[in-house]
């Protein structure tokens, strides 16, 4: 005669814990890849821009000070950069390398 209560060894309980673990991993992945959207625009953090452009935070600040890249100040220490604006700046300033023949 089978039991009517659940234990940690019950297949139902094991399945629930497996589903919870998968949901946790999915949420962690989503949080790691989150980029804030404002309207149709995707914004990057300063850290993401530095990684994307292979520059230091100080160089990023210099680009901001010289108004060479677009940015939005959300608060005193929170600055966001529009991804399309960064790409546009890269395209505008692209200079092909000359290879001697």
PDB file of N, CA and C in Angstrom:
ATOM      1  N   UNK A   1       0.840  -1.168   0.000  1.00  0.00           N
ATOM      2  CA  UNK A   1       0.000   0.000   0.000  1.00  0.00           C
ATOM      3  C   UNK A   1       0.896   1.246   0.000  1.00  0.00           C
ATOM      4  N   UNK A   2       0.705   2.181  -0.941  1.00  0.00           N
ATOM      5  CA  UNK A   2       1.525   3.384  -1.092  1.00  0.00           C
ATOM      6  C   UNK A   2       1.175   4.432  -0.051  1.00  0.00           C
ATOM      7  N   UNK A   3       2.155   5.300   0.219  1.00  0.00           N
ATOM      8  CA  UNK A   3       1.911   6.366   1.190  1.00  0.00           C
ATOM      9  C   UNK A   3       1.288   7.571   0.489  1.00  0.00           C
ATOM     10  N   UNK A   4       0.519   8.368   1.250  1.00  0.00           N
ATOM     11  CA  UNK A   4      -0.170   9.523   0.706  1.00  0.00           C
ATOM     12  C   UNK A   4       0.542  10.833   1.027  1.00  0.00           C
ATOM     13  N   UNK A   5       1.731  10.800   1.582  1.00  0.00           N
ATOM     14  CA  UNK A   5       2.430  12.027   1.922  1.00  0.00           C
ATOM     15  C   UNK A   5       3.756  12.099   1.152  1.00  0.00           C
ATOM     16  N   UNK A   6       4.250  13.321   1.039  1.00  0.00           N
ATOM     17  CA  UNK A   6       5.471  13.561   0.278  1.00  0.00           C
ATOM     18  C   UNK A   6       6.678  13.599   1.203  1.00  0.00           C
ATOM     19  N   UNK A   7       7.789  13.083   0.716  1.00  0.00           N
ATOM     20  CA  UNK A   7       9.063  13.145   1.427  1.00  0.00           C
ATOM     21  C   UNK A   7      10.112  13.684   0.470  1.00  0.00           C
ATOM     22  N   UNK A   8      11.294  13.935   0.971  1.00  0.00           N
ATOM     23  CA  UNK A   8      12.372  14.436   0.123  1.00  0.00           C
ATOM     24  C   UNK A   8      12.765  13.421  -0.950  1.00  0.00           C
ATOM     25  N   UNK A   9      12.430  12.171  -0.726  1.00  0.00           N
ATOM     26  CA  UNK A   9      12.757  11.125  -1.703  1.00  0.00           C
ATOM     27  C   UNK A   9      11.644  10.926  -2.726  1.00  0.00           C
ATOM     28  N   UNK A  10      10.517  11.589  -2.557  1.00  0.00           N
ATOM     29  CA  UNK A  10       9.397  11.448  -3.487  1.00  0.00           C
ATOM     30  C   UNK A  10       9.785  12.015  -4.845  1.00  0.00           C
ATOM     31  N   UNK A  11       9.349  11.342  -5.891  1.00  0.00           N
ATOM     32  CA  UNK A  11       9.647  11.791  -7.251  1.00  0.00           C
ATOM     33  C   UNK A  11       9.076  13.183  -7.522  1.00  0.00           C
ATOM     34  N   UNK A  12       7.896  13.469  -7.006  1.00  0.00           N
ATOM     35  CA  UNK A  12       7.271  14.784  -7.189  1.00  0.00           C
ATOM     36  C   UNK A  12       8.111  15.896  -6.576  1.00  0.00           C
ATOM     37  N   UNK A  13       8.635  15.662  -5.374  1.00  0.00           N
ATOM     38  CA  UNK A  13       9.461  16.658  -4.688  1.00  0.00           C
ATOM     39  C   UNK A  13      10.770  16.870  -5.448  1.00  0.00           C
ATOM     40  N   UNK A  14      11.385  15.800  -5.916  1.00  0.00           N
ATOM     41  CA  UNK A  14      12.620  15.900  -6.686  1.00  0.00           C
ATOM     42  C   UNK A  14      12.386  16.704  -7.972  1.00  0.00           C
ATOM     43  N   UNK A  15      11.263  16.472  -8.632  1.00  0.00           N
ATOM     44  CA  UNK A  15      10.938  17.195  -9.866  1.00  0.00           C
ATOM     45  C   UNK A  15      10.745  18.687  -9.595  1.00  0.00           C
ATOM     46  N   UNK A  16      10.101  19.025  -8.490  1.00  0.00           N
ATOM     47  CA  UNK A  16       9.882  20.429  -8.137  1.00  0.00           C
ATOM     48  C   UNK A  16      11.213  21.115  -7.867  1.00  0.00           C
ATOM     49  N   UNK A  17      12.106  20.481  -7.118  1.00  0.00           N
ATOM     50  CA  UNK A  17      13.407  21.078  -6.842  1.00  0.00           C
ATOM     51  C   UNK A  17      14.240  21.238  -8.108  1.00  0.00           C
ATOM     52  N   UNK A  18      14.141  20.294  -9.024  1.00  0.00           N
ATOM     53  CA  UNK A  18      14.836  20.407 -10.308  1.00  0.00           C
ATOM     54  C   UNK A  18      14.300  21.597 -11.095  1.00  0.00           C
ATOM     55  N   UNK A  19      12.979  21.776 -11.130  1.00  0.00           N
ATOM     56  CA  UNK A  19      12.371  22.903 -11.846  1.00  0.00           C
ATOM     57  C   UNK A  19      12.778  24.230 -11.202  1.00  0.00           C
ATOM     58  N   UNK A  20      12.819  24.284  -9.878  1.00  0.00           N
ATOM     59  CA  UNK A  20      13.235  25.508  -9.178  1.00  0.00           C
ATOM     60  C   UNK A  20      14.684  25.838  -9.502  1.00  0.00           C
ATOM     61  N   UNK A  21      15.544  24.834  -9.537  1.00  0.00           N
ATOM     62  CA  UNK A  21      16.955  25.046  -9.849  1.00  0.00           C
ATOM     63  C   UNK A  21      17.125  25.556 -11.280  1.00  0.00           C
ATOM     64  N   UNK A  22      16.369  25.012 -12.220  1.00  0.00           N
ATOM     65  CA  UNK A  22      16.434  25.472 -13.608  1.00  0.00           C
ATOM     66  C   UNK A  22      15.935  26.916 -13.724  1.00  0.00           C
ATOM     67  N   UNK A  23      14.887  27.260 -13.012  1.00  0.00           N
ATOM     68  CA  UNK A  23      14.362  28.630 -13.024  1.00  0.00           C
ATOM     69  C   UNK A  23      15.383  29.602 -12.440  1.00  0.00           C
ATOM     70  N   UNK A  24      16.060  29.202 -11.384  1.00  0.00           N
ATOM     71  CA  UNK A  24      17.091  30.038 -10.757  1.00  0.00           C
ATOM     72  C   UNK A  24      18.224  30.307 -11.743  1.00  0.00           C
ATOM     73  N   UNK A  25      18.681  29.280 -12.433  1.00  0.00           N
ATOM     74  CA  UNK A  25      19.763  29.444 -13.414  1.00  0.00           C
ATOM     75  C   UNK A  25      19.329  30.358 -14.560  1.00  0.00           C
ATOM     76  N   UNK A  26      18.099  30.219 -15.021  1.00  0.00           N
ATOM     77  CA  UNK A  26      17.574  31.065 -16.091  1.00  0.00           C
ATOM     78  C   UNK A  26      17.512  32.517 -15.659  1.00  0.00           C
ATOM     79  N   UNK A  27      17.044  32.771 -14.445  1.00  0.00           N
ATOM     80  CA  UNK A  27      16.968  34.138 -13.922  1.00  0.00           C
ATOM     81  C   UNK A  27      18.353  34.747 -13.734  1.00  0.00           C
ATOM     82  N   UNK A  28      19.306  33.971 -13.286  1.00  0.00           N
ATOM     83  CA  UNK A  28      20.669  34.477 -13.119  1.00  0.00           C
ATOM     84  C   UNK A  28      21.265  34.855 -14.474  1.00  0.00           C
ATOM     85  N   UNK A  29      21.024  34.050 -15.489  1.00  0.00           N
ATOM     86  CA  UNK A  29      21.515  34.339 -16.840  1.00  0.00           C
ATOM     87  C   UNK A  29      20.853  35.602 -17.384  1.00  0.00           C
ATOM     88  N   UNK A  30      19.562  35.738 -17.169  1.00  0.00           N
ATOM     89  CA  UNK A  30      18.849  36.933 -17.629  1.00  0.00           C
ATOM     90  C   UNK A  30      19.363  38.182 -16.921  1.00  0.00           C
ATOM     91  N   UNK A  31      19.612  38.091 -15.627  1.00  0.00           N
ATOM     92  CA  UNK A  31      20.116  39.239 -14.866  1.00  0.00           C
ATOM     93  C   UNK A  31      21.518  39.627 -15.334  1.00  0.00           C
ATOM     94  N   UNK A  32      22.340  38.643 -15.665  1.00  0.00           N
ATOM     95  CA  UNK A  32      23.703  38.924 -16.117  1.00  0.00           C
ATOM     96  C   UNK A  32      23.713  39.599 -17.484  1.00  0.00           C
ATOM     97  N   UNK A  33      22.723  39.327 -18.316  1.00  0.00           N
ATOM     98  CA  UNK A  33      22.672  39.877 -19.673  1.00  0.00           C
ATOM     99  C   UNK A  33      21.700  41.033 -19.814  1.00  0.00           C
ATOM    100  N   UNK A  34      21.205  41.558 -18.707  1.00  0.00           N
ATOM    101  CA  UNK A  34      20.204  42.626 -18.750  1.00  0.00           C
ATOM    102  C   UNK A  34      20.823  43.941 -19.187  1.00  0.00           C
ATOM    103  N   UNK A  35      20.164  44.607 -20.117  1.00  0.00           N
ATOM    104  CA  UNK A  35      20.522  45.957 -20.534  1.00  0.00           C
ATOM    105  C   UNK A  35      19.254  46.788 -20.474  1.00  0.00           C
ATOM    106  N   UNK A  36      19.329  47.932 -19.809  1.00  0.00           N
ATOM    107  CA  UNK A  36      18.106  48.726 -19.672  1.00  0.00           C
ATOM    108  C   UNK A  36      17.661  49.334 -21.005  1.00  0.00           C
ATOM    109  N   UNK A  37      16.357  49.309 -21.252  1.00  0.00           N
ATOM    110  CA  UNK A  37      15.760  49.925 -22.431  1.00  0.00           C
ATOM    111  C   UNK A  37      14.957  51.140 -21.987  1.00  0.00           C
ATOM    112  N   UNK A  38      15.093  52.213 -22.727  1.00  0.00           N
ATOM    113  CA  UNK A  38      14.257  53.385 -22.511  1.00  0.00           C
ATOM    114  C   UNK A  38      13.664  53.675 -23.880  1.00  0.00           C
ATOM    115  N   UNK A  39      12.387  53.429 -24.003  1.00  0.00           N
ATOM    116  CA  UNK A  39      11.758  53.526 -25.316  1.00  0.00           C
ATOM    117  C   UNK A  39      12.339  52.438 -26.197  1.00  0.00           C
ATOM    118  N   UNK A  40      12.631  52.744 -27.448  1.00  0.00           N
ATOM    119  CA  UNK A  40      13.182  51.720 -28.334  1.00  0.00           C
ATOM    120  C   UNK A  40      14.702  51.585 -28.221  1.00  0.00           C
ATOM    121  N   UNK A  41      15.333  52.447 -27.435  1.00  0.00           N
ATOM    122  CA  UNK A  41      16.798  52.488 -27.343  1.00  0.00           C
ATOM    123  C   UNK A  41      17.325  51.571 -26.248  1.00  0.00           C
ATOM    124  N   UNK A  42      18.424  50.890 -26.554  1.00  0.00           N
ATOM    125  CA  UNK A  42      19.123  50.060 -25.569  1.00  0.00           C
ATOM    126  C   UNK A  42      20.299  50.868 -25.034  1.00  0.00           C
ATOM    127  N   UNK A  43      20.444  50.933 -23.727  1.00  0.00           N
ATOM    128  CA  UNK A  43      21.508  51.709 -23.104  1.00  0.00           C
ATOM    129  C   UNK A  43      22.533  50.785 -22.465  1.00  0.00           C
ATOM    130  N   UNK A  44      23.782  51.209 -22.509  1.00  0.00           N
ATOM    131  CA  UNK A  44      24.889  50.459 -21.925  1.00  0.00           C
ATOM    132  C   UNK A  44      25.419  51.193 -20.698  1.00  0.00           C
ATOM    133  N   UNK A  45      25.952  50.429 -19.770  1.00  0.00           N
ATOM    134  CA  UNK A  45      26.609  51.034 -18.612  1.00  0.00           C
ATOM    135  C   UNK A  45      28.028  51.428 -19.007  1.00  0.00           C
ATOM    136  N   UNK A  46      28.687  52.213 -18.176  1.00  0.00           N
ATOM    137  CA  UNK A  46      30.065  52.605 -18.447  1.00  0.00           C
ATOM    138  C   UNK A  46      30.983  51.400 -18.554  1.00  0.00           C
ATOM    139  N   UNK A  47      30.783  50.431 -17.698  1.00  0.00           N
ATOM    140  CA  UNK A  47      31.599  49.214 -17.724  1.00  0.00           C
ATOM    141  C   UNK A  47      31.432  48.475 -19.049  1.00  0.00           C
ATOM    142  N   UNK A  48      30.191  48.384 -19.537  1.00  0.00           N
ATOM    143  CA  UNK A  48      29.937  47.716 -20.804  1.00  0.00           C
ATOM    144  C   UNK A  48      30.567  48.465 -21.974  1.00  0.00           C
ATOM    145  N   UNK A  49      30.521  49.801 -21.947  1.00  0.00           N
ATOM    146  CA  UNK A  49      31.132  50.599 -23.012  1.00  0.00           C
ATOM    147  C   UNK A  49      32.646  50.412 -23.001  1.00  0.00           C
ATOM    148  N   UNK A  50      33.254  50.431 -21.820  1.00  0.00           N
ATOM    149  CA  UNK A  50      34.701  50.221 -21.715  1.00  0.00           C
ATOM    150  C   UNK A  50      35.100  48.861 -22.286  1.00  0.00           C
ATOM    151  N   UNK A  51      34.328  47.853 -21.974  1.00  0.00           N
ATOM    152  CA  UNK A  51      34.614  46.515 -22.480  1.00  0.00           C
ATOM    153  C   UNK A  51      34.407  46.463 -23.996  1.00  0.00           C
ATOM    154  N   UNK A  52      33.346  47.075 -24.473  1.00  0.00           N
ATOM    155  CA  UNK A  52      32.999  47.073 -25.893  1.00  0.00           C
ATOM    156  C   UNK A  52      34.052  47.798 -26.725  1.00  0.00           C
ATOM    157  N   UNK A  53      34.555  48.939 -26.223  1.00  0.00           N
ATOM    158  CA  UNK A  53      35.525  49.746 -26.955  1.00  0.00           C
ATOM    159  C   UNK A  53      36.977  49.433 -26.593  1.00  0.00           C
ATOM    160  N   UNK A  54      37.176  48.577 -25.595  1.00  0.00           N
ATOM    161  CA  UNK A  54      38.516  48.231 -25.108  1.00  0.00           C
ATOM    162  C   UNK A  54      39.258  49.486 -24.645  1.00  0.00           C
ATOM    163  N   UNK A  55      38.594  50.247 -23.769  1.00  0.00           N
ATOM    164  CA  UNK A  55      39.184  51.464 -23.218  1.00  0.00           C
ATOM    165  C   UNK A  55      39.060  51.435 -21.696  1.00  0.00           C
ATOM    166  N   UNK A  56      39.801  52.317 -21.047  1.00  0.00           N
ATOM    167  CA  UNK A  56      39.746  52.412 -19.581  1.00  0.00           C
ATOM    168  C   UNK A  56      38.614  53.343 -19.165  1.00  0.00           C
ATOM    169  N   UNK A  57      38.180  53.254 -17.913  1.00  0.00           N
ATOM    170  CA  UNK A  57      37.160  54.187 -17.417  1.00  0.00           C
ATOM    171  C   UNK A  57      37.610  55.652 -17.535  1.00  0.00           C
ATOM    172  N   UNK A  58      38.885  55.911 -17.365  1.00  0.00           N
ATOM    173  CA  UNK A  58      39.387  57.282 -17.481  1.00  0.00           C
ATOM    174  C   UNK A  58      39.262  57.781 -18.921  1.00  0.00           C
ATOM    175  N   UNK A  59      39.555  56.936 -19.892  1.00  0.00           N
ATOM    176  CA  UNK A  59      39.397  57.312 -21.293  1.00  0.00           C
ATOM    177  C   UNK A  59      37.929  57.570 -21.608  1.00  0.00           C
ATOM    178  N   UNK A  60      37.062  56.754 -21.050  1.00  0.00           N
ATOM    179  CA  UNK A  60      35.626  56.960 -21.252  1.00  0.00           C
ATOM    180  C   UNK A  60      35.209  58.322 -20.689  1.00  0.00           C
ATOM    181  N   UNK A  61      35.722  58.660 -19.528  1.00  0.00           N
ATOM    182  CA  UNK A  61      35.401  59.965 -18.938  1.00  0.00           C
ATOM    183  C   UNK A  61      35.912  61.099 -19.825  1.00  0.00           C
ATOM    184  N   UNK A  62      37.109  60.946 -20.390  1.00  0.00           N
ATOM    185  CA  UNK A  62      37.656  61.965 -21.294  1.00  0.00           C
ATOM    186  C   UNK A  62      36.765  62.127 -22.528  1.00  0.00           C
ATOM    187  N   UNK A  63      36.307  61.013 -23.099  1.00  0.00           N
ATOM    188  CA  UNK A  63      35.403  61.073 -24.256  1.00  0.00           C
ATOM    189  C   UNK A  63      34.111  61.802 -23.890  1.00  0.00           C
ATOM    190  N   UNK A  64      33.622  61.556 -22.682  1.00  0.00           N
ATOM    191  CA  UNK A  64      32.416  62.247 -22.194  1.00  0.00           C
ATOM    192  C   UNK A  64      32.689  63.737 -22.017  1.00  0.00           C
ATOM    193  N   UNK A  65      33.801  64.069 -21.364  1.00  0.00           N
ATOM    194  CA  UNK A  65      34.148  65.474 -21.104  1.00  0.00           C
ATOM    195  C   UNK A  65      34.280  66.261 -22.409  1.00  0.00           C
ATOM    196  N   UNK A  66      34.801  65.619 -23.434  1.00  0.00           N
ATOM    197  CA  UNK A  66      34.989  66.273 -24.736  1.00  0.00           C
ATOM    198  C   UNK A  66      33.748  66.167 -25.625  1.00  0.00           C
ATOM    199  N   UNK A  67      32.705  65.539 -25.094  1.00  0.00           N
ATOM    200  CA  UNK A  67      31.440  65.363 -25.825  1.00  0.00           C
ATOM    201  C   UNK A  67      31.644  64.604 -27.148  1.00  0.00           C
ATOM    202  N   UNK A  68      32.540  63.612 -27.105  1.00  0.00           N
ATOM    203  CA  UNK A  68      32.810  62.828 -28.301  1.00  0.00           C
ATOM    204  C   UNK A  68      31.897  61.610 -28.413  1.00  0.00           C
ATOM    205  N   UNK A  69      31.233  61.257 -27.315  1.00  0.00           N
ATOM    206  CA  UNK A  69      30.270  60.156 -27.340  1.00  0.00           C
ATOM    207  C   UNK A  69      28.991  60.619 -26.646  1.00  0.00           C
ATOM    208  N   UNK A  70      27.855  60.103 -27.096  1.00  0.00           N
ATOM    209  CA  UNK A  70      26.596  60.486 -26.456  1.00  0.00           C
ATOM    210  C   UNK A  70      26.415  59.758 -25.119  1.00  0.00           C
ATOM    211  N   UNK A  71      25.776  60.423 -24.168  1.00  0.00           N
ATOM    212  CA  UNK A  71      25.508  59.805 -22.867  1.00  0.00           C
ATOM    213  C   UNK A  71      24.328  60.508 -22.217  1.00  0.00           C
ATOM    214  N   UNK A  72      23.754  59.839 -21.239  1.00  0.00           N
ATOM    215  CA  UNK A  72      22.644  60.380 -20.467  1.00  0.00           C
ATOM    216  C   UNK A  72      22.978  60.227 -18.995  1.00  0.00           C
ATOM    217  N   UNK A  73      22.896  61.318 -18.245  1.00  0.00           N
ATOM    218  CA  UNK A  73      23.151  61.274 -16.809  1.00  0.00           C
ATOM    219  C   UNK A  73      21.822  61.000 -16.114  1.00  0.00           C
ATOM    220  N   UNK A  74      21.746  59.846 -15.456  1.00  0.00           N
ATOM    221  CA  UNK A  74      20.533  59.458 -14.745  1.00  0.00           C
ATOM    222  C   UNK A  74      20.567  60.000 -13.327  1.00  0.00           C
ATOM    223  N   UNK A  75      21.718  59.905 -12.697  1.00  0.00           N
ATOM    224  CA  UNK A  75      21.936  60.466 -11.366  1.00  0.00           C
ATOM    225  C   UNK A  75      23.419  60.825 -11.273  1.00  0.00           C
ATOM    226  N   UNK A  76      23.842  61.314 -10.133  1.00  0.00           N
ATOM    227  CA  UNK A  76      25.219  61.783  -9.987  1.00  0.00           C
ATOM    228  C   UNK A  76      26.253  60.740 -10.393  1.00  0.00           C
ATOM    229  N   UNK A  77      26.022  59.507 -10.073  1.00  0.00           N
ATOM    230  CA  UNK A  77      26.992  58.450 -10.370  1.00  0.00           C
ATOM    231  C   UNK A  77      26.451  57.397 -11.333  1.00  0.00           C
ATOM    232  N   UNK A  78      25.355  57.683 -11.987  1.00  0.00           N
ATOM    233  CA  UNK A  78      24.760  56.713 -12.897  1.00  0.00           C
ATOM    234  C   UNK A  78      24.628  57.340 -14.281  1.00  0.00           C
ATOM    235  N   UNK A  79      25.495  56.905 -15.188  1.00  0.00           N
ATOM    236  CA  UNK A  79      25.528  57.439 -16.550  1.00  0.00           C
ATOM    237  C   UNK A  79      25.293  56.278 -17.505  1.00  0.00           C
ATOM    238  N   UNK A  80      24.406  56.486 -18.462  1.00  0.00           N
ATOM    239  CA  UNK A  80      24.102  55.466 -19.459  1.00  0.00           C
ATOM    240  C   UNK A  80      24.460  55.981 -20.846  1.00  0.00           C
ATOM    241  N   UNK A  81      24.802  55.044 -21.725  1.00  0.00           N
ATOM    242  CA  UNK A  81      25.239  55.381 -23.077  1.00  0.00           C
ATOM    243  C   UNK A  81      24.335  54.659 -24.079  1.00  0.00           C
ATOM    244  N   UNK A  82      23.735  55.398 -25.032  1.00  0.00           N
ATOM    245  CA  UNK A  82      22.876  54.742 -26.018  1.00  0.00           C
ATOM    246  C   UNK A  82      23.727  53.890 -26.970  1.00  0.00           C
ATOM    247  N   UNK A  83      23.353  52.638 -27.104  1.00  0.00           N
ATOM    248  CA  UNK A  83      24.125  51.718 -27.938  1.00  0.00           C
ATOM    249  C   UNK A  83      24.195  52.200 -29.386  1.00  0.00           C
ATOM    250  N   UNK A  84      23.075  52.692 -29.910  1.00  0.00           N
ATOM    251  CA  UNK A  84      23.075  53.165 -31.298  1.00  0.00           C
ATOM    252  C   UNK A  84      23.987  54.379 -31.459  1.00  0.00           C
ATOM    253  N   UNK A  85      24.060  55.246 -30.455  1.00  0.00           N
ATOM    254  CA  UNK A  85      24.935  56.412 -30.505  1.00  0.00           C
ATOM    255  C   UNK A  85      26.405  56.031 -30.497  1.00  0.00           C
ATOM    256  N   UNK A  86      26.741  55.003 -29.717  1.00  0.00           N
ATOM    257  CA  UNK A  86      28.125  54.520 -29.674  1.00  0.00           C
ATOM    258  C   UNK A  86      28.501  53.944 -31.038  1.00  0.00           C
ATOM    259  N   UNK A  87      27.597  53.132 -31.605  1.00  0.00           N
ATOM    260  CA  UNK A  87      27.861  52.545 -32.933  1.00  0.00           C
ATOM    261  C   UNK A  87      27.981  53.636 -33.999  1.00  0.00           C
ATOM    262  N   UNK A  88      27.127  54.633 -33.934  1.00  0.00           N
ATOM    263  CA  UNK A  88      27.163  55.739 -34.892  1.00  0.00           C
ATOM    264  C   UNK A  88      28.488  56.497 -34.792  1.00  0.00           C
ATOM    265  N   UNK A  89      28.958  56.745 -33.578  1.00  0.00           N
ATOM    266  CA  UNK A  89      30.234  57.426 -33.368  1.00  0.00           C
ATOM    267  C   UNK A  89      31.377  56.604 -33.943  1.00  0.00           C
ATOM    268  N   UNK A  90      31.342  55.294 -33.739  1.00  0.00           N
ATOM    269  CA  UNK A  90      32.382  54.425 -34.298  1.00  0.00           C
ATOM    270  C   UNK A  90      32.370  54.482 -35.824  1.00  0.00           C
ATOM    271  N   UNK A  91      31.199  54.416 -36.410  1.00  0.00           N
ATOM    272  CA  UNK A  91      31.068  54.462 -37.871  1.00  0.00           C
ATOM    273  C   UNK A  91      31.561  55.795 -38.421  1.00  0.00           C
ATOM    274  N   UNK A  92      31.176  56.893 -37.767  1.00  0.00           N
ATOM    275  CA  UNK A  92      31.547  58.234 -38.215  1.00  0.00           C
ATOM    276  C   UNK A  92      33.057  58.444 -38.159  1.00  0.00           C
ATOM    277  N   UNK A  93      33.711  57.857 -37.169  1.00  0.00           N
ATOM    278  CA  UNK A  93      35.150  58.060 -36.977  1.00  0.00           C
ATOM    279  C   UNK A  93      36.008  56.927 -37.539  1.00  0.00           C
ATOM    280  N   UNK A  94      35.411  56.047 -38.287  1.00  0.00           N
ATOM    281  CA  UNK A  94      36.149  54.916 -38.858  1.00  0.00           C
ATOM    282  C   UNK A  94      37.136  55.408 -39.906  1.00  0.00           C
ATOM    283  N   UNK A  95      38.360  54.970 -39.791  1.00  0.00           N
ATOM    284  CA  UNK A  95      39.397  55.289 -40.776  1.00  0.00           C
ATOM    285  C   UNK A  95      40.051  53.972 -41.192  1.00  0.00           C
ATOM    286  N   UNK A  96      39.932  53.605 -42.462  1.00  0.00           N
ATOM    287  CA  UNK A  96      40.547  52.348 -42.893  1.00  0.00           C
ATOM    288  C   UNK A  96      42.073  52.457 -42.827  1.00  0.00           C
ATOM    289  N   UNK A  97      42.704  51.347 -42.561  1.00  0.00           N
ATOM    290  CA  UNK A  97      44.162  51.331 -42.521  1.00  0.00           C
ATOM    291  C   UNK A  97      44.696  51.261 -43.940  1.00  0.00           C
ATOM    292  N   UNK A  98      45.803  51.897 -44.168  1.00  0.00           N
ATOM    293  CA  UNK A  98      46.444  51.878 -45.488  1.00  0.00           C
ATOM    294  C   UNK A  98      47.550  50.841 -45.456  1.00  0.00           C
ATOM    295  N   UNK A  99      47.489  49.915 -46.394  1.00  0.00           N
ATOM    296  CA  UNK A  99      48.505  48.885 -46.505  1.00  0.00           C
ATOM    297  C   UNK A  99      49.403  49.218 -47.694  1.00  0.00           C
ATOM    298  N   UNK A 100      50.695  49.402 -47.469  1.00  0.00           N
ATOM    299  CA  UNK A 100      51.590  49.684 -48.609  1.00  0.00           C
ATOM    300  C   UNK A 100      51.619  48.487 -49.553  1.00  0.00           C
ATOM    301  N   UNK A 101      51.647  48.798 -50.845  1.00  0.00           N
ATOM    302  CA  UNK A 101      51.652  47.708 -51.827  1.00  0.00           C
ATOM    303  C   UNK A 101      52.989  47.518 -52.440  1.00  0.00           C
TER     304      UNK A 101
END
